[in-house]
Amino acid sequence: KYFGLSTGSKGFQLLEKLDELRTVYGVIPEFGVFPFLEIHYQLGKLVLISHYLHHAFNMMLSDCFDRFGERGFYESDKVHASIVAERNKTAALIVIELVRLVVTAGRKGKPHISLRELAACIPTLYSIWVSKNSTSYKNRQLHRAFDGVVELLEQKTVLFNELQELTVNIPRLKVSSPNEVIRISFNNNRGRGEKSNEK
């Protein structure tokens, strides 16, 4: 799709921008230095390889295994890829994290999360709490971060189509109340008539 836009002086110079990343290297302490991006052209297709991200992700998964005794990974197709284009990036990340809670609810049992726990998963959200700004300003930032989260869940995920009686209850947001809990409830009706699960 983007190849067609990569023409002319005003076009999106995709190949030129990617070529700039060839000279970037990632350092993993006590492990090595790896190229961030390799670019190959094969049969008319662009193939991108990142040795750095490959090793970094494997180290993260190994850390999850060491801490929790199982390979710590999950994946879901419940979120539309177009969410990455949203202007409110923090809201988009919140939505992705809430979807993770829902799709792992069967294993975890209780899909809920406190604002403190959510902030620990999302660096831009955490930065609001630790900033030196006034409390009123941080509260405004917090409200802005969650602005449109429910709408994004409705428009950029399939949860409301697949789960019956899905509700998302986001509490009154204040940096002084990090232990407030976002609760999600739904009827996960998969043929056994399960009752509503609440997180």
N, C-alpha and C. Protein backbone atom coordinates (compact mmCIF):
# COMPACT_ATOMS: atom_id res chain seq x y z
N LYS A 1 0.83 -1.21 0.00
CA LYS A 1 0.00 0.00 0.00
C LYS A 1 0.86 1.25 0.00
N TYR A 2 1.89 1.26 0.84
CA TYR A 2 2.71 2.46 0.98
C TYR A 2 3.69 2.64 -0.17
N PHE A 3 3.98 1.57 -0.89
CA PHE A 3 4.88 1.73 -2.03
C PHE A 3 4.30 2.71 -3.03
N GLY A 4 2.98 2.69 -3.20
CA GLY A 4 2.34 3.59 -4.14
C GLY A 4 2.40 5.04 -3.71
N LEU A 5 2.64 5.28 -2.42
CA LEU A 5 2.74 6.65 -1.92
C LEU A 5 4.17 7.14 -1.88
N SER A 6 5.09 6.28 -2.23
CA SER A 6 6.51 6.61 -2.09
C SER A 6 7.10 7.21 -3.35
N THR A 7 6.31 7.96 -4.07
CA THR A 7 6.80 8.55 -5.31
C THR A 7 6.71 10.06 -5.25
N GLY A 8 7.58 10.73 -5.94
CA GLY A 8 7.55 12.18 -5.99
C GLY A 8 8.17 12.81 -4.76
N SER A 9 8.44 14.10 -4.87
CA SER A 9 9.10 14.81 -3.76
C SER A 9 8.22 14.92 -2.53
N LYS A 10 6.90 14.86 -2.72
CA LYS A 10 5.98 14.99 -1.59
C LYS A 10 5.43 13.64 -1.12
N GLY A 11 5.91 12.59 -1.73
CA GLY A 11 5.43 11.27 -1.35
C GLY A 11 6.02 10.80 -0.03
N PHE A 12 5.43 9.76 0.54
CA PHE A 12 5.94 9.17 1.77
C PHE A 12 7.13 8.29 1.41
N GLN A 13 8.32 8.75 1.72
CA GLN A 13 9.54 8.06 1.28
C GLN A 13 9.83 6.86 2.19
N LEU A 14 9.03 5.83 2.02
CA LEU A 14 9.12 4.67 2.90
C LEU A 14 10.50 4.03 2.87
N LEU A 15 10.99 3.72 1.68
CA LEU A 15 12.27 3.02 1.58
C LEU A 15 13.41 3.86 2.14
N GLU A 16 13.38 5.16 1.86
CA GLU A 16 14.43 6.04 2.38
C GLU A 16 14.40 6.09 3.90
N LYS A 17 13.20 6.13 4.47
CA LYS A 17 13.09 6.18 5.93
C LYS A 17 13.57 4.88 6.55
N LEU A 18 13.24 3.75 5.93
CA LEU A 18 13.69 2.47 6.46
C LEU A 18 15.20 2.32 6.32
N ASP A 19 15.75 2.82 5.22
CA ASP A 19 17.19 2.73 5.01
C ASP A 19 17.97 3.43 6.12
N GLU A 20 17.38 4.49 6.68
CA GLU A 20 18.06 5.22 7.76
C GLU A 20 18.24 4.34 9.00
N LEU A 21 17.36 3.34 9.15
CA LEU A 21 17.44 2.48 10.32
C LEU A 21 18.50 1.38 10.19
N ARG A 22 19.06 1.26 8.99
CA ARG A 22 20.11 0.25 8.81
C ARG A 22 21.33 0.52 9.69
N THR A 23 21.57 1.79 10.01
CA THR A 23 22.76 2.16 10.78
C THR A 23 22.51 2.18 12.28
N VAL A 24 21.29 1.79 12.71
CA VAL A 24 20.96 1.79 14.14
C VAL A 24 21.24 0.41 14.72
N TYR A 25 21.87 0.39 15.88
CA TYR A 25 22.17 -0.87 16.56
C TYR A 25 21.59 -0.84 17.96
N GLY A 26 21.14 -2.00 18.42
CA GLY A 26 20.60 -2.11 19.78
C GLY A 26 21.58 -2.85 20.67
N VAL A 27 21.72 -2.39 21.89
CA VAL A 27 22.65 -3.01 22.85
C VAL A 27 21.86 -3.73 23.93
N ILE A 28 22.14 -4.99 24.12
CA ILE A 28 21.57 -5.76 25.24
C ILE A 28 22.72 -6.06 26.18
N PRO A 29 22.77 -5.41 27.34
CA PRO A 29 23.90 -5.57 28.26
C PRO A 29 24.21 -7.04 28.55
N GLU A 30 25.47 -7.36 28.53
CA GLU A 30 25.99 -8.69 28.82
C GLU A 30 25.53 -9.75 27.80
N PHE A 31 25.00 -9.28 26.66
CA PHE A 31 24.55 -10.24 25.66
C PHE A 31 25.09 -9.92 24.28
N GLY A 32 25.08 -8.65 23.90
CA GLY A 32 25.65 -8.32 22.61
C GLY A 32 25.07 -7.06 21.99
N VAL A 33 25.60 -6.75 20.82
CA VAL A 33 25.14 -5.60 20.03
C VAL A 33 24.57 -6.15 18.73
N PHE A 34 23.36 -5.70 18.39
CA PHE A 34 22.67 -6.29 17.25
C PHE A 34 22.11 -5.20 16.34
N PRO A 35 22.12 -5.43 15.02
CA PRO A 35 21.51 -4.46 14.11
C PRO A 35 20.01 -4.38 14.37
N PHE A 36 19.50 -3.16 14.36
CA PHE A 36 18.08 -2.98 14.63
C PHE A 36 17.23 -3.42 13.44
N LEU A 37 17.72 -3.21 12.23
CA LEU A 37 16.89 -3.53 11.08
C LEU A 37 17.73 -3.94 9.88
N GLU A 38 17.34 -5.04 9.27
CA GLU A 38 17.89 -5.46 7.99
C GLU A 38 16.77 -5.44 6.97
N ILE A 39 17.07 -4.98 5.77
CA ILE A 39 16.06 -4.86 4.73
C ILE A 39 16.45 -5.73 3.54
N HIS A 40 15.53 -6.57 3.11
CA HIS A 40 15.78 -7.44 1.96
C HIS A 40 14.60 -7.35 1.00
N TYR A 41 14.89 -7.51 -0.27
CA TYR A 41 13.85 -7.52 -1.29
C TYR A 41 13.79 -8.93 -1.87
N GLN A 42 12.63 -9.57 -1.73
CA GLN A 42 12.49 -10.93 -2.22
C GLN A 42 11.18 -11.07 -3.00
N LEU A 43 11.29 -11.41 -4.26
CA LEU A 43 10.12 -11.66 -5.10
C LEU A 43 9.13 -10.50 -5.06
N GLY A 44 9.66 -9.29 -5.13
CA GLY A 44 8.79 -8.11 -5.15
C GLY A 44 8.26 -7.71 -3.79
N LYS A 45 8.71 -8.38 -2.74
CA LYS A 45 8.24 -8.06 -1.39
C LYS A 45 9.38 -7.49 -0.55
N LEU A 46 9.01 -6.67 0.39
CA LEU A 46 9.97 -6.08 1.32
C LEU A 46 9.99 -6.92 2.59
N VAL A 47 11.16 -7.43 2.96
CA VAL A 47 11.30 -8.27 4.14
C VAL A 47 12.15 -7.52 5.16
N LEU A 48 11.60 -7.32 6.36
CA LEU A 48 12.30 -6.60 7.42
C LEU A 48 12.68 -7.60 8.52
N ILE A 49 13.93 -7.56 8.93
CA ILE A 49 14.43 -8.46 9.97
C ILE A 49 15.10 -7.62 11.05
N SER A 50 14.75 -7.89 12.30
CA SER A 50 15.37 -7.18 13.42
C SER A 50 15.96 -8.19 14.39
N HIS A 51 17.28 -8.35 14.34
CA HIS A 51 17.94 -9.27 15.27
C HIS A 51 17.85 -8.75 16.69
N TYR A 52 17.89 -7.42 16.84
CA TYR A 52 17.80 -6.84 18.19
C TYR A 52 16.45 -7.16 18.83
N LEU A 53 15.35 -6.90 18.13
CA LEU A 53 14.03 -7.16 18.69
C LEU A 53 13.81 -8.65 18.92
N HIS A 54 14.36 -9.48 18.04
CA HIS A 54 14.25 -10.92 18.22
C HIS A 54 14.84 -11.35 19.56
N HIS A 55 16.04 -10.89 19.85
CA HIS A 55 16.69 -11.26 21.11
C HIS A 55 15.99 -10.59 22.30
N ALA A 56 15.57 -9.33 22.13
CA ALA A 56 14.93 -8.62 23.23
C ALA A 56 13.61 -9.30 23.63
N PHE A 57 12.80 -9.67 22.63
CA PHE A 57 11.52 -10.32 22.93
C PHE A 57 11.74 -11.68 23.57
N ASN A 58 12.72 -12.43 23.10
CA ASN A 58 12.99 -13.73 23.70
C ASN A 58 13.45 -13.60 25.15
N MET A 59 14.21 -12.55 25.44
CA MET A 59 14.63 -12.33 26.82
C MET A 59 13.42 -11.99 27.70
N MET A 60 12.48 -11.21 27.17
CA MET A 60 11.27 -10.88 27.93
C MET A 60 10.46 -12.14 28.22
N LEU A 61 10.31 -12.99 27.20
CA LEU A 61 9.55 -14.22 27.40
C LEU A 61 10.24 -15.15 28.39
N SER A 62 11.56 -15.21 28.33
CA SER A 62 12.31 -16.05 29.27
C SER A 62 12.14 -15.53 30.69
N ASP A 63 12.11 -14.20 30.84
CA ASP A 63 11.90 -13.61 32.15
C ASP A 63 10.53 -13.97 32.70
N CYS A 64 9.51 -13.95 31.82
CA CYS A 64 8.17 -14.36 32.24
C CYS A 64 8.18 -15.82 32.69
N PHE A 65 8.89 -16.65 31.95
CA PHE A 65 8.96 -18.07 32.30
C PHE A 65 9.62 -18.25 33.67
N ASP A 66 10.71 -17.51 33.89
CA ASP A 66 11.42 -17.62 35.16
C ASP A 66 10.56 -17.16 36.33
N ARG A 67 9.79 -16.10 36.13
CA ARG A 67 9.01 -15.54 37.22
C ARG A 67 7.72 -16.28 37.50
N PHE A 68 7.06 -16.76 36.44
CA PHE A 68 5.72 -17.30 36.61
C PHE A 68 5.62 -18.79 36.31
N GLY A 69 6.73 -19.40 35.90
CA GLY A 69 6.72 -20.83 35.71
C GLY A 69 6.06 -21.29 34.42
N GLU A 70 5.73 -20.39 33.57
CA GLU A 70 5.18 -20.78 32.28
C GLU A 70 5.59 -19.75 31.25
N ARG A 71 5.55 -20.15 30.01
CA ARG A 71 5.95 -19.24 28.94
C ARG A 71 4.97 -18.07 28.91
N GLY A 72 5.42 -16.89 29.30
CA GLY A 72 4.51 -15.77 29.47
C GLY A 72 4.20 -15.06 28.18
N PHE A 73 3.22 -15.53 27.44
CA PHE A 73 2.88 -14.84 26.21
C PHE A 73 1.38 -14.91 25.99
N TYR A 74 0.89 -14.04 25.19
CA TYR A 74 -0.50 -14.09 24.76
C TYR A 74 -0.60 -13.36 23.44
N GLU A 75 -1.60 -13.69 22.69
CA GLU A 75 -1.86 -12.95 21.47
C GLU A 75 -3.37 -12.96 21.26
N SER A 76 -3.86 -11.96 20.56
CA SER A 76 -5.29 -11.86 20.33
C SER A 76 -5.55 -11.15 19.01
N ASP A 77 -6.58 -11.59 18.33
CA ASP A 77 -7.00 -10.92 17.11
C ASP A 77 -8.26 -10.09 17.35
N LYS A 78 -8.52 -9.77 18.59
CA LYS A 78 -9.75 -9.05 18.95
C LYS A 78 -9.65 -7.55 18.71
N VAL A 79 -8.44 -7.03 18.50
CA VAL A 79 -8.24 -5.59 18.30
C VAL A 79 -7.93 -5.33 16.84
N HIS A 80 -8.60 -4.34 16.26
CA HIS A 80 -8.33 -3.98 14.86
C HIS A 80 -6.96 -3.32 14.76
N ALA A 81 -6.22 -3.66 13.74
CA ALA A 81 -4.88 -3.09 13.55
C ALA A 81 -4.92 -1.57 13.39
N SER A 82 -6.05 -1.04 12.94
CA SER A 82 -6.16 0.41 12.71
C SER A 82 -6.10 1.23 13.99
N ILE A 83 -6.12 0.57 15.15
CA ILE A 83 -6.06 1.30 16.41
C ILE A 83 -4.74 2.04 16.57
N VAL A 84 -3.70 1.57 15.88
CA VAL A 84 -2.39 2.22 15.99
C VAL A 84 -2.39 3.61 15.38
N ALA A 85 -3.41 3.91 14.57
CA ALA A 85 -3.49 5.23 13.94
C ALA A 85 -4.25 6.24 14.79
N GLU A 86 -4.75 5.81 15.94
CA GLU A 86 -5.51 6.71 16.80
C GLU A 86 -4.63 7.84 17.32
N ARG A 87 -5.19 9.01 17.40
CA ARG A 87 -4.44 10.18 17.89
C ARG A 87 -4.10 10.03 19.37
N ASN A 88 -5.05 9.54 20.15
CA ASN A 88 -4.83 9.35 21.58
C ASN A 88 -4.14 8.00 21.79
N LYS A 89 -2.82 7.99 21.72
CA LYS A 89 -2.05 6.74 21.80
C LYS A 89 -2.21 6.06 23.16
N THR A 90 -2.30 6.85 24.21
CA THR A 90 -2.44 6.25 25.54
C THR A 90 -3.77 5.53 25.65
N ALA A 91 -4.83 6.13 25.13
CA ALA A 91 -6.14 5.48 25.14
C ALA A 91 -6.09 4.17 24.35
N ALA A 92 -5.38 4.19 23.22
CA ALA A 92 -5.25 2.97 22.41
C ALA A 92 -4.53 1.87 23.19
N LEU A 93 -3.48 2.24 23.93
CA LEU A 93 -2.76 1.25 24.74
C LEU A 93 -3.61 0.73 25.88
N ILE A 94 -4.43 1.60 26.46
CA ILE A 94 -5.35 1.17 27.52
C ILE A 94 -6.33 0.14 26.97
N VAL A 95 -6.85 0.40 25.78
CA VAL A 95 -7.79 -0.53 25.15
C VAL A 95 -7.12 -1.89 24.93
N ILE A 96 -5.90 -1.88 24.41
CA ILE A 96 -5.20 -3.14 24.17
C ILE A 96 -5.00 -3.92 25.47
N GLU A 97 -4.68 -3.21 26.53
CA GLU A 97 -4.47 -3.88 27.82
C GLU A 97 -5.79 -4.43 28.37
N LEU A 98 -6.88 -3.69 28.21
CA LEU A 98 -8.18 -4.18 28.68
C LEU A 98 -8.63 -5.40 27.88
N VAL A 99 -8.33 -5.41 26.58
CA VAL A 99 -8.65 -6.58 25.77
C VAL A 99 -7.87 -7.79 26.25
N ARG A 100 -6.61 -7.57 26.61
CA ARG A 100 -5.81 -8.67 27.15
C ARG A 100 -6.47 -9.26 28.39
N LEU A 101 -6.98 -8.39 29.25
CA LEU A 101 -7.64 -8.87 30.46
C LEU A 101 -8.86 -9.73 30.13
N VAL A 102 -9.61 -9.29 29.13
CA VAL A 102 -10.83 -10.02 28.77
C VAL A 102 -10.50 -11.38 28.16
N VAL A 103 -9.55 -11.41 27.22
CA VAL A 103 -9.27 -12.68 26.53
C VAL A 103 -8.57 -13.69 27.43
N THR A 104 -7.95 -13.22 28.52
CA THR A 104 -7.32 -14.15 29.47
C THR A 104 -8.20 -14.39 30.68
N ALA A 105 -9.42 -13.91 30.65
CA ALA A 105 -10.30 -14.01 31.82
C ALA A 105 -10.61 -15.46 32.18
N GLY A 106 -10.73 -16.32 31.15
CA GLY A 106 -11.05 -17.71 31.44
C GLY A 106 -9.99 -18.38 32.28
N ARG A 107 -8.73 -18.03 32.06
CA ARG A 107 -7.63 -18.62 32.81
C ARG A 107 -7.40 -17.90 34.13
N LYS A 108 -7.53 -16.57 34.11
CA LYS A 108 -7.26 -15.78 35.30
C LYS A 108 -8.44 -15.79 36.27
N GLY A 109 -9.65 -15.93 35.74
CA GLY A 109 -10.81 -16.01 36.62
C GLY A 109 -11.51 -14.70 36.88
N LYS A 110 -10.77 -13.64 37.18
CA LYS A 110 -11.38 -12.36 37.52
C LYS A 110 -10.72 -11.24 36.72
N PRO A 111 -11.34 -10.84 35.62
CA PRO A 111 -10.75 -9.76 34.83
C PRO A 111 -11.03 -8.38 35.39
N HIS A 112 -10.20 -7.87 36.21
CA HIS A 112 -10.28 -6.49 36.69
C HIS A 112 -8.86 -5.98 36.87
N ILE A 113 -8.73 -4.66 36.93
CA ILE A 113 -7.39 -4.09 37.09
C ILE A 113 -7.50 -2.73 37.75
N SER A 114 -6.59 -2.46 38.66
CA SER A 114 -6.58 -1.15 39.31
C SER A 114 -5.85 -0.16 38.41
N LEU A 115 -6.10 1.11 38.65
CA LEU A 115 -5.42 2.13 37.87
C LEU A 115 -3.90 2.04 38.07
N ARG A 116 -3.48 1.70 39.28
CA ARG A 116 -2.05 1.55 39.56
C ARG A 116 -1.44 0.43 38.72
N GLU A 117 -2.13 -0.72 38.66
CA GLU A 117 -1.63 -1.85 37.87
C GLU A 117 -1.63 -1.53 36.38
N LEU A 118 -2.66 -0.82 35.94
CA LEU A 118 -2.73 -0.44 34.53
C LEU A 118 -1.60 0.50 34.16
N ALA A 119 -1.31 1.44 35.05
CA ALA A 119 -0.23 2.40 34.81
C ALA A 119 1.12 1.69 34.75
N ALA A 120 1.27 0.61 35.51
CA ALA A 120 2.52 -0.15 35.48
C ALA A 120 2.74 -0.82 34.13
N CYS A 121 1.65 -1.07 33.40
CA CYS A 121 1.74 -1.71 32.08
C CYS A 121 1.91 -0.70 30.95
N ILE A 122 1.59 0.58 31.22
CA ILE A 122 1.59 1.59 30.16
C ILE A 122 2.47 2.76 30.60
N PRO A 123 3.67 2.87 30.08
CA PRO A 123 4.62 3.90 30.54
C PRO A 123 4.08 5.33 30.46
N THR A 124 3.33 5.67 29.41
CA THR A 124 2.82 7.04 29.30
C THR A 124 1.79 7.33 30.38
N LEU A 125 1.07 6.31 30.81
CA LEU A 125 0.11 6.48 31.89
C LEU A 125 0.85 6.61 33.24
N TYR A 126 1.90 5.81 33.41
CA TYR A 126 2.69 5.86 34.63
C TYR A 126 3.38 7.21 34.80
N SER A 127 3.79 7.79 33.68
CA SER A 127 4.51 9.07 33.73
C SER A 127 3.64 10.19 34.28
N ILE A 128 2.32 10.05 34.15
CA ILE A 128 1.42 11.06 34.71
C ILE A 128 1.55 11.08 36.23
N TRP A 129 1.59 9.91 36.85
CA TRP A 129 1.68 9.83 38.31
C TRP A 129 3.00 10.37 38.84
N VAL A 130 4.08 10.06 38.16
CA VAL A 130 5.40 10.41 38.70
C VAL A 130 5.87 11.80 38.29
N SER A 131 5.09 12.47 37.43
CA SER A 131 5.51 13.82 37.02
C SER A 131 5.43 14.79 38.18
N LYS A 132 6.11 15.90 38.06
CA LYS A 132 6.14 16.91 39.12
C LYS A 132 5.09 18.00 38.90
N ASN A 133 4.15 17.76 38.01
CA ASN A 133 3.09 18.73 37.74
C ASN A 133 2.11 18.78 38.91
N SER A 134 1.27 19.79 38.91
CA SER A 134 0.27 19.92 39.98
C SER A 134 -0.74 18.78 39.89
N THR A 135 -1.40 18.51 41.00
CA THR A 135 -2.38 17.43 41.04
C THR A 135 -3.52 17.68 40.07
N SER A 136 -3.98 18.92 39.98
CA SER A 136 -5.09 19.22 39.08
C SER A 136 -4.69 18.99 37.62
N TYR A 137 -3.44 19.36 37.28
CA TYR A 137 -2.98 19.15 35.91
C TYR A 137 -2.85 17.66 35.62
N LYS A 138 -2.34 16.90 36.58
CA LYS A 138 -2.19 15.45 36.38
C LYS A 138 -3.56 14.79 36.24
N ASN A 139 -4.55 15.26 37.00
CA ASN A 139 -5.90 14.72 36.86
C ASN A 139 -6.47 15.00 35.48
N ARG A 140 -6.19 16.19 34.95
CA ARG A 140 -6.65 16.51 33.60
C ARG A 140 -5.99 15.59 32.58
N GLN A 141 -4.69 15.33 32.77
CA GLN A 141 -3.98 14.41 31.87
C GLN A 141 -4.57 13.01 31.95
N LEU A 142 -4.93 12.62 33.17
CA LEU A 142 -5.50 11.29 33.38
C LEU A 142 -6.84 11.16 32.66
N HIS A 143 -7.68 12.19 32.79
CA HIS A 143 -8.96 12.19 32.10
C HIS A 143 -8.76 12.14 30.59
N ARG A 144 -7.77 12.89 30.10
CA ARG A 144 -7.50 12.92 28.67
C ARG A 144 -7.02 11.55 28.18
N ALA A 145 -6.23 10.86 29.01
CA ALA A 145 -5.72 9.54 28.62
C ALA A 145 -6.85 8.54 28.44
N PHE A 146 -7.89 8.66 29.28
CA PHE A 146 -9.00 7.70 29.22
C PHE A 146 -10.13 8.18 28.32
N ASP A 147 -9.99 9.36 27.77
CA ASP A 147 -11.03 9.91 26.91
C ASP A 147 -11.22 9.03 25.67
N GLY A 148 -12.41 8.51 25.49
CA GLY A 148 -12.70 7.71 24.32
C GLY A 148 -12.34 6.24 24.43
N VAL A 149 -11.92 5.77 25.61
CA VAL A 149 -11.52 4.37 25.76
C VAL A 149 -12.69 3.44 25.46
N VAL A 150 -13.86 3.72 26.03
CA VAL A 150 -15.01 2.85 25.80
C VAL A 150 -15.42 2.88 24.32
N GLU A 151 -15.38 4.08 23.71
CA GLU A 151 -15.71 4.18 22.29
C GLU A 151 -14.73 3.38 21.44
N LEU A 152 -13.44 3.42 21.80
CA LEU A 152 -12.46 2.63 21.06
C LEU A 152 -12.70 1.13 21.23
N LEU A 153 -13.11 0.72 22.42
CA LEU A 153 -13.45 -0.68 22.63
C LEU A 153 -14.60 -1.10 21.73
N GLU A 154 -15.55 -0.19 21.52
CA GLU A 154 -16.70 -0.50 20.68
C GLU A 154 -16.33 -0.49 19.20
N GLN A 155 -15.48 0.46 18.79
CA GLN A 155 -15.21 0.67 17.37
C GLN A 155 -13.98 -0.08 16.86
N LYS A 156 -12.99 -0.29 17.72
CA LYS A 156 -11.72 -0.86 17.27
C LYS A 156 -11.45 -2.26 17.79
N THR A 157 -12.44 -2.88 18.43
CA THR A 157 -12.31 -4.27 18.85
C THR A 157 -13.60 -5.00 18.50
N VAL A 158 -13.57 -6.32 18.63
CA VAL A 158 -14.76 -7.12 18.34
C VAL A 158 -15.43 -7.58 19.63
N LEU A 159 -15.00 -7.07 20.77
CA LEU A 159 -15.52 -7.56 22.04
C LEU A 159 -17.03 -7.38 22.18
N PHE A 160 -17.52 -6.19 21.80
CA PHE A 160 -18.95 -5.93 21.97
C PHE A 160 -19.80 -6.78 21.03
N ASN A 161 -19.19 -7.27 19.94
CA ASN A 161 -19.92 -8.14 19.03
C ASN A 161 -19.90 -9.59 19.50
N GLU A 162 -18.83 -9.98 20.19
CA GLU A 162 -18.65 -11.38 20.56
C GLU A 162 -19.11 -11.72 21.97
N LEU A 163 -19.13 -10.74 22.86
CA LEU A 163 -19.49 -10.99 24.25
C LEU A 163 -20.83 -10.36 24.58
N GLN A 164 -21.69 -11.11 25.22
CA GLN A 164 -23.00 -10.61 25.59
C GLN A 164 -22.91 -9.78 26.88
N GLU A 165 -23.70 -8.73 26.92
CA GLU A 165 -23.83 -7.91 28.13
C GLU A 165 -22.49 -7.37 28.61
N LEU A 166 -21.64 -7.02 27.68
CA LEU A 166 -20.32 -6.49 28.05
C LEU A 166 -20.46 -5.07 28.58
N THR A 167 -19.95 -4.83 29.76
CA THR A 167 -19.92 -3.49 30.34
C THR A 167 -18.53 -3.21 30.87
N VAL A 168 -18.11 -1.96 30.73
CA VAL A 168 -16.81 -1.52 31.23
C VAL A 168 -17.04 -0.35 32.17
N ASN A 169 -16.72 -0.54 33.42
CA ASN A 169 -16.95 0.49 34.43
C ASN A 169 -15.62 1.13 34.84
N ILE A 170 -15.40 2.35 34.35
CA ILE A 170 -14.17 3.07 34.68
C ILE A 170 -14.50 4.04 35.82
N PRO A 171 -13.81 3.95 36.96
CA PRO A 171 -14.13 4.79 38.11
C PRO A 171 -13.75 6.25 37.90
N ARG A 172 -14.14 7.09 38.84
CA ARG A 172 -13.74 8.50 38.79
C ARG A 172 -12.22 8.56 38.89
N LEU A 173 -11.59 9.21 37.95
CA LEU A 173 -10.14 9.15 37.82
C LEU A 173 -9.45 10.27 38.58
N LYS A 174 -8.60 9.88 39.52
CA LYS A 174 -7.80 10.83 40.27
C LYS A 174 -6.44 10.20 40.55
N VAL A 175 -5.39 10.99 40.45
CA VAL A 175 -4.06 10.45 40.75
C VAL A 175 -3.93 10.11 42.23
N SER A 176 -4.79 10.70 43.04
CA SER A 176 -4.76 10.41 44.47
C SER A 176 -5.45 9.10 44.82
N SER A 177 -6.08 8.46 43.83
CA SER A 177 -6.78 7.19 44.06
C SER A 177 -6.32 6.13 43.08
N PRO A 178 -5.05 5.75 43.16
CA PRO A 178 -4.51 4.78 42.19
C PRO A 178 -5.05 3.37 42.37
N ASN A 179 -5.69 3.09 43.50
CA ASN A 179 -6.19 1.74 43.73
C ASN A 179 -7.64 1.55 43.28
N GLU A 180 -8.22 2.59 42.68
CA GLU A 180 -9.54 2.43 42.09
C GLU A 180 -9.46 1.37 40.99
N VAL A 181 -10.53 0.59 40.86
CA VAL A 181 -10.50 -0.58 39.98
C VAL A 181 -11.42 -0.40 38.78
N ILE A 182 -10.89 -0.70 37.60
CA ILE A 182 -11.71 -0.78 36.39
C ILE A 182 -12.32 -2.17 36.37
N ARG A 183 -13.65 -2.21 36.30
CA ARG A 183 -14.35 -3.49 36.33
C ARG A 183 -15.00 -3.76 34.98
N ILE A 184 -14.83 -4.98 34.53
CA ILE A 184 -15.41 -5.42 33.26
C ILE A 184 -16.30 -6.62 33.55
N SER A 185 -17.50 -6.60 33.03
CA SER A 185 -18.38 -7.75 33.20
C SER A 185 -18.97 -8.13 31.85
N PHE A 186 -19.21 -9.40 31.67
CA PHE A 186 -19.80 -9.89 30.43
C PHE A 186 -20.32 -11.29 30.64
N ASN A 187 -21.17 -11.71 29.73
CA ASN A 187 -21.69 -13.06 29.72
C ASN A 187 -20.96 -13.83 28.64
N ASN A 188 -20.02 -14.64 29.04
CA ASN A 188 -19.21 -15.40 28.08
C ASN A 188 -19.94 -16.69 27.73
N ASN A 189 -20.98 -16.54 26.93
CA ASN A 189 -21.86 -17.66 26.62
C ASN A 189 -21.26 -18.51 25.50
N ARG A 190 -20.63 -19.60 25.89
CA ARG A 190 -19.98 -20.49 24.91
C ARG A 190 -20.61 -21.87 24.91
N GLY A 191 -21.92 -21.88 25.17
CA GLY A 191 -22.62 -23.17 25.08
C GLY A 191 -22.83 -23.85 26.41
N ARG A 192 -22.25 -23.35 27.49
CA ARG A 192 -22.43 -23.99 28.79
C ARG A 192 -23.28 -23.12 29.71
N GLY A 193 -23.74 -21.97 29.17
CA GLY A 193 -24.60 -21.10 29.96
C GLY A 193 -23.91 -20.50 31.15
N GLU A 194 -22.64 -20.13 30.99
CA GLU A 194 -21.93 -19.54 32.11
C GLU A 194 -22.59 -18.24 32.53
N LYS A 195 -22.51 -17.94 33.79
CA LYS A 195 -23.03 -16.70 34.29
C LYS A 195 -22.01 -15.61 34.05
N SER A 196 -22.47 -14.40 34.27
CA SER A 196 -21.61 -13.24 33.99
C SER A 196 -20.35 -13.29 34.83
N ASN A 197 -19.21 -13.02 34.18
CA ASN A 197 -17.93 -12.92 34.88
C ASN A 197 -17.67 -11.46 35.18
N GLU A 198 -17.25 -11.15 36.37
CA GLU A 198 -16.95 -9.76 36.68
C GLU A 198 -15.54 -9.63 37.12
N LYS A 199 -14.88 -8.57 36.61
CA LYS A 199 -13.50 -8.32 36.95
C LYS A 199 -13.43 -7.07 37.78
